[in-house]
Amino acid sequence: MPNILLDTHALLWFDQEPDRFTPKVRKALRSKATTIFVSPVSVYELQRKLLIGKLPQAASLIQNIERRIVDYDFRFLPITARHALLAARLEWEHRDPFDRFLVAQAIEERCTIVSADHRFSEVDVHLLW
């Protein structure tokens, strides 16, 4: 599993509550053979939820997001037109645009998604939890 894409809550948990991860996820995140990606979609989702009062705990992460990504040795996974097209075309009842983009990026870039959200198992994407 050389490439991992963190779901939005997984990014927040990595920053603030890493004990919430399963032992399997912790092992994968510590592996030097793993490249860990963060989508700009997650940054957008965190900022939006912070602004509407749903995730006040995300404030410190968002304020320092670029520094934290570097400190954690993560990589941003840029959004492409291919990702947008696939997100729109996914045959998946789930309408959350954030999740649809994450799934599309994971499929296109052959990443495993780290998420406690089992709705991802409804589509053809590798899920780690």
C-alpha atoms as a PDB file:
ATOM      1  CA  MET A   1       0.000   0.000   0.000  1.00  0.00           C
ATOM      2  CA  PRO A   2       2.432   2.660  -1.157  1.00  0.00           C
ATOM      3  CA  ASN A   3      -0.118   5.519  -1.568  1.00  0.00           C
ATOM      4  CA  ILE A   4      -2.649   6.618   1.021  1.00  0.00           C
ATOM      5  CA  LEU A   5      -5.207   9.406   0.744  1.00  0.00           C
ATOM      6  CA  LEU A   6      -6.523  10.652   4.079  1.00  0.00           C
ATOM      7  CA  ASP A   7     -10.223  11.302   4.451  1.00  0.00           C
ATOM      8  CA  THR A   8     -10.925  14.701   6.002  1.00  0.00           C
ATOM      9  CA  HIS A   9     -11.606  13.360   9.485  1.00  0.00           C
ATOM     10  CA  ALA A  10      -8.473  11.193   9.261  1.00  0.00           C
ATOM     11  CA  LEU A  11      -6.376  14.298   8.624  1.00  0.00           C
ATOM     12  CA  LEU A  12      -7.921  16.015  11.646  1.00  0.00           C
ATOM     13  CA  TRP A  13      -7.459  12.924  13.808  1.00  0.00           C
ATOM     14  CA  PHE A  14      -3.832  12.549  12.716  1.00  0.00           C
ATOM     15  CA  ASP A  15      -3.254  16.108  13.881  1.00  0.00           C
ATOM     16  CA  GLN A  16      -5.220  15.965  17.127  1.00  0.00           C
ATOM     17  CA  GLU A  17      -6.363  12.479  18.093  1.00  0.00           C
ATOM     18  CA  PRO A  18      -4.068   9.841  16.562  1.00  0.00           C
ATOM     19  CA  ASP A  19      -5.192   7.282  19.145  1.00  0.00           C
ATOM     20  CA  ARG A  20      -8.523   7.072  17.312  1.00  0.00           C
ATOM     21  CA  PHE A  21      -6.844   5.137  14.488  1.00  0.00           C
ATOM     22  CA  THR A  22      -6.912   1.364  14.425  1.00  0.00           C
ATOM     23  CA  PRO A  23      -3.582  -0.420  14.907  1.00  0.00           C
ATOM     24  CA  LYS A  24      -3.696  -1.364  11.214  1.00  0.00           C
ATOM     25  CA  VAL A  25      -3.997   2.289  10.174  1.00  0.00           C
ATOM     26  CA  ARG A  26      -1.278   3.428  12.602  1.00  0.00           C
ATOM     27  CA  LYS A  27       1.090   0.845  11.152  1.00  0.00           C
ATOM     28  CA  ALA A  28       0.380   1.952   7.572  1.00  0.00           C
ATOM     29  CA  LEU A  29       0.819   5.629   8.460  1.00  0.00           C
ATOM     30  CA  ARG A  30       4.201   4.936  10.097  1.00  0.00           C
ATOM     31  CA  SER A  31       5.547   2.919   7.178  1.00  0.00           C
ATOM     32  CA  LYS A  32       8.424   4.621   5.361  1.00  0.00           C
ATOM     33  CA  ALA A  33       7.245   2.877   2.175  1.00  0.00           C
ATOM     34  CA  THR A  34       3.940   4.772   2.274  1.00  0.00           C
ATOM     35  CA  THR A  35       3.309   8.136   0.637  1.00  0.00           C
ATOM     36  CA  ILE A  36       0.508   9.962   2.411  1.00  0.00           C
ATOM     37  CA  PHE A  37      -1.614  12.397   0.435  1.00  0.00           C
ATOM     38  CA  VAL A  38      -4.049  15.101   1.488  1.00  0.00           C
ATOM     39  CA  SER A  39      -6.579  16.493  -0.939  1.00  0.00           C
ATOM     40  CA  PRO A  40      -7.260  20.229  -1.176  1.00  0.00           C
ATOM     41  CA  VAL A  41     -10.889  19.087  -0.942  1.00  0.00           C
ATOM     42  CA  SER A  42     -10.240  18.167   2.690  1.00  0.00           C
ATOM     43  CA  VAL A  43      -8.738  21.575   3.379  1.00  0.00           C
ATOM     44  CA  TYR A  44     -11.835  23.178   1.861  1.00  0.00           C
ATOM     45  CA  GLU A  45     -14.165  20.932   3.864  1.00  0.00           C
ATOM     46  CA  LEU A  46     -12.371  21.683   7.132  1.00  0.00           C
ATOM     47  CA  GLN A  47     -12.457  25.431   6.480  1.00  0.00           C
ATOM     48  CA  ARG A  48     -16.154  25.396   5.547  1.00  0.00           C
ATOM     49  CA  LYS A  49     -17.101  23.381   8.629  1.00  0.00           C
ATOM     50  CA  LEU A  50     -14.969  25.639  10.809  1.00  0.00           C
ATOM     51  CA  LEU A  51     -16.725  28.729   9.415  1.00  0.00           C
ATOM     52  CA  ILE A  52     -20.205  27.353  10.097  1.00  0.00           C
ATOM     53  CA  GLY A  53     -19.261  26.233  13.612  1.00  0.00           C
ATOM     54  CA  LYS A  54     -19.330  22.472  13.010  1.00  0.00           C
ATOM     55  CA  LEU A  55     -15.603  21.854  13.588  1.00  0.00           C
ATOM     56  CA  PRO A  56     -14.113  24.493  15.904  1.00  0.00           C
ATOM     57  CA  GLN A  57     -11.335  22.047  16.752  1.00  0.00           C
ATOM     58  CA  ALA A  58     -10.017  22.356  13.194  1.00  0.00           C
ATOM     59  CA  ALA A  59      -8.910  25.980  13.710  1.00  0.00           C
ATOM     60  CA  SER A  60      -5.269  25.330  14.612  1.00  0.00           C
ATOM     61  CA  LEU A  61      -4.829  22.798  11.823  1.00  0.00           C
ATOM     62  CA  ILE A  62      -6.334  25.110   9.205  1.00  0.00           C
ATOM     63  CA  GLN A  63      -4.322  28.127  10.393  1.00  0.00           C
ATOM     64  CA  ASN A  64      -1.108  26.176   9.887  1.00  0.00           C
ATOM     65  CA  ILE A  65      -2.131  23.685   7.208  1.00  0.00           C
ATOM     66  CA  GLU A  66       0.786  24.105   4.813  1.00  0.00           C
ATOM     67  CA  ARG A  67       3.335  23.917   7.636  1.00  0.00           C
ATOM     68  CA  ARG A  68       1.641  20.864   9.140  1.00  0.00           C
ATOM     69  CA  ILE A  69       1.611  19.039   5.800  1.00  0.00           C
ATOM     70  CA  VAL A  70       5.366  19.608   5.523  1.00  0.00           C
ATOM     71  CA  ASP A  71       5.987  18.677   9.177  1.00  0.00           C
ATOM     72  CA  TYR A  72       4.027  15.438   8.778  1.00  0.00           C
ATOM     73  CA  ASP A  73       5.828  14.638   5.510  1.00  0.00           C
ATOM     74  CA  PHE A  74       2.513  14.466   3.661  1.00  0.00           C
ATOM     75  CA  ARG A  75       1.900  15.579   0.074  1.00  0.00           C
ATOM     76  CA  PHE A  76      -0.976  17.536  -1.393  1.00  0.00           C
ATOM     77  CA  LEU A  77      -2.745  15.645  -4.179  1.00  0.00           C
ATOM     78  CA  PRO A  78      -3.787  18.268  -6.731  1.00  0.00           C
ATOM     79  CA  ILE A  79      -7.290  18.114  -8.156  1.00  0.00           C
ATOM     80  CA  THR A  80      -7.417  17.515 -11.904  1.00  0.00           C
ATOM     81  CA  ALA A  81     -10.130  17.655 -14.532  1.00  0.00           C
ATOM     82  CA  ARG A  82     -10.078  13.822 -14.610  1.00  0.00           C
ATOM     83  CA  HIS A  83     -10.885  13.779 -10.896  1.00  0.00           C
ATOM     84  CA  ALA A  84     -13.760  16.220 -11.375  1.00  0.00           C
ATOM     85  CA  LEU A  85     -15.247  14.247 -14.248  1.00  0.00           C
ATOM     86  CA  LEU A  86     -15.023  10.956 -12.389  1.00  0.00           C
ATOM     87  CA  ALA A  87     -16.497  12.484  -9.220  1.00  0.00           C
ATOM     88  CA  ALA A  88     -19.484  13.692 -11.237  1.00  0.00           C
ATOM     89  CA  ARG A  89     -19.899  10.377 -13.066  1.00  0.00           C
ATOM     90  CA  LEU A  90     -19.536   7.977 -10.133  1.00  0.00           C
ATOM     91  CA  GLU A  91     -22.402   5.548  -9.888  1.00  0.00           C
ATOM     92  CA  TRP A  92     -22.798   6.024  -6.173  1.00  0.00           C
ATOM     93  CA  GLU A  93     -25.863   7.159  -4.266  1.00  0.00           C
ATOM     94  CA  HIS A  94     -23.732   9.164  -1.862  1.00  0.00           C
ATOM     95  CA  ARG A  95     -24.151  12.835  -2.769  1.00  0.00           C
ATOM     96  CA  ASP A  96     -21.515  14.430  -0.517  1.00  0.00           C
ATOM     97  CA  PRO A  97     -19.277  16.280  -3.003  1.00  0.00           C
ATOM     98  CA  PHE A  98     -16.271  16.108  -0.684  1.00  0.00           C
ATOM     99  CA  ASP A  99     -16.445  12.327  -0.470  1.00  0.00           C
ATOM    100  CA  ARG A 100     -17.109  11.983  -4.193  1.00  0.00           C
ATOM    101  CA  PHE A 101     -13.954  13.975  -4.983  1.00  0.00           C
ATOM    102  CA  LEU A 102     -11.883  11.935  -2.525  1.00  0.00           C
ATOM    103  CA  VAL A 103     -13.096   8.682  -4.071  1.00  0.00           C
ATOM    104  CA  ALA A 104     -12.395   9.949  -7.579  1.00  0.00           C
ATOM    105  CA  GLN A 105      -8.885  11.013  -6.604  1.00  0.00           C
ATOM    106  CA  ALA A 106      -8.219   7.687  -4.902  1.00  0.00           C
ATOM    107  CA  ILE A 107      -9.416   5.711  -7.913  1.00  0.00           C
ATOM    108  CA  GLU A 108      -7.514   7.787 -10.468  1.00  0.00           C
ATOM    109  CA  GLU A 109      -4.293   7.912  -8.456  1.00  0.00           C
ATOM    110  CA  ARG A 110      -4.510   4.354  -7.119  1.00  0.00           C
ATOM    111  CA  CYS A 111      -4.584   5.380  -3.478  1.00  0.00           C
ATOM    112  CA  THR A 112      -6.041   3.618  -0.486  1.00  0.00           C
ATOM    113  CA  ILE A 113      -8.405   5.854   1.482  1.00  0.00           C
ATOM    114  CA  VAL A 114      -7.943   5.964   5.250  1.00  0.00           C
ATOM    115  CA  SER A 115     -11.403   6.511   6.684  1.00  0.00           C
ATOM    116  CA  ALA A 116     -13.747   5.311   9.391  1.00  0.00           C
ATOM    117  CA  ASP A 117     -16.609   6.096   6.998  1.00  0.00           C
ATOM    118  CA  HIS A 118     -17.734   2.736   5.663  1.00  0.00           C
ATOM    119  CA  ARG A 119     -19.824   4.365   2.910  1.00  0.00           C
ATOM    120  CA  PHE A 120     -16.600   4.325   0.898  1.00  0.00           C
ATOM    121  CA  SER A 121     -16.902   0.540   0.745  1.00  0.00           C
ATOM    122  CA  GLU A 122     -19.959   1.022  -1.487  1.00  0.00           C
ATOM    123  CA  VAL A 123     -17.684   2.011  -4.396  1.00  0.00           C
ATOM    124  CA  ASP A 124     -14.693   0.356  -5.991  1.00  0.00           C
ATOM    125  CA  VAL A 125     -11.997   1.992  -3.898  1.00  0.00           C
ATOM    126  CA  HIS A 126      -9.478   0.533  -1.474  1.00  0.00           C
ATOM    127  CA  LEU A 127     -10.456   1.410   2.091  1.00  0.00           C
ATOM    128  CA  LEU A 128      -8.250   1.066   5.147  1.00  0.00           C
ATOM    129  CA  TRP A 129      -9.599   1.176   8.640  1.00  0.00           C
END
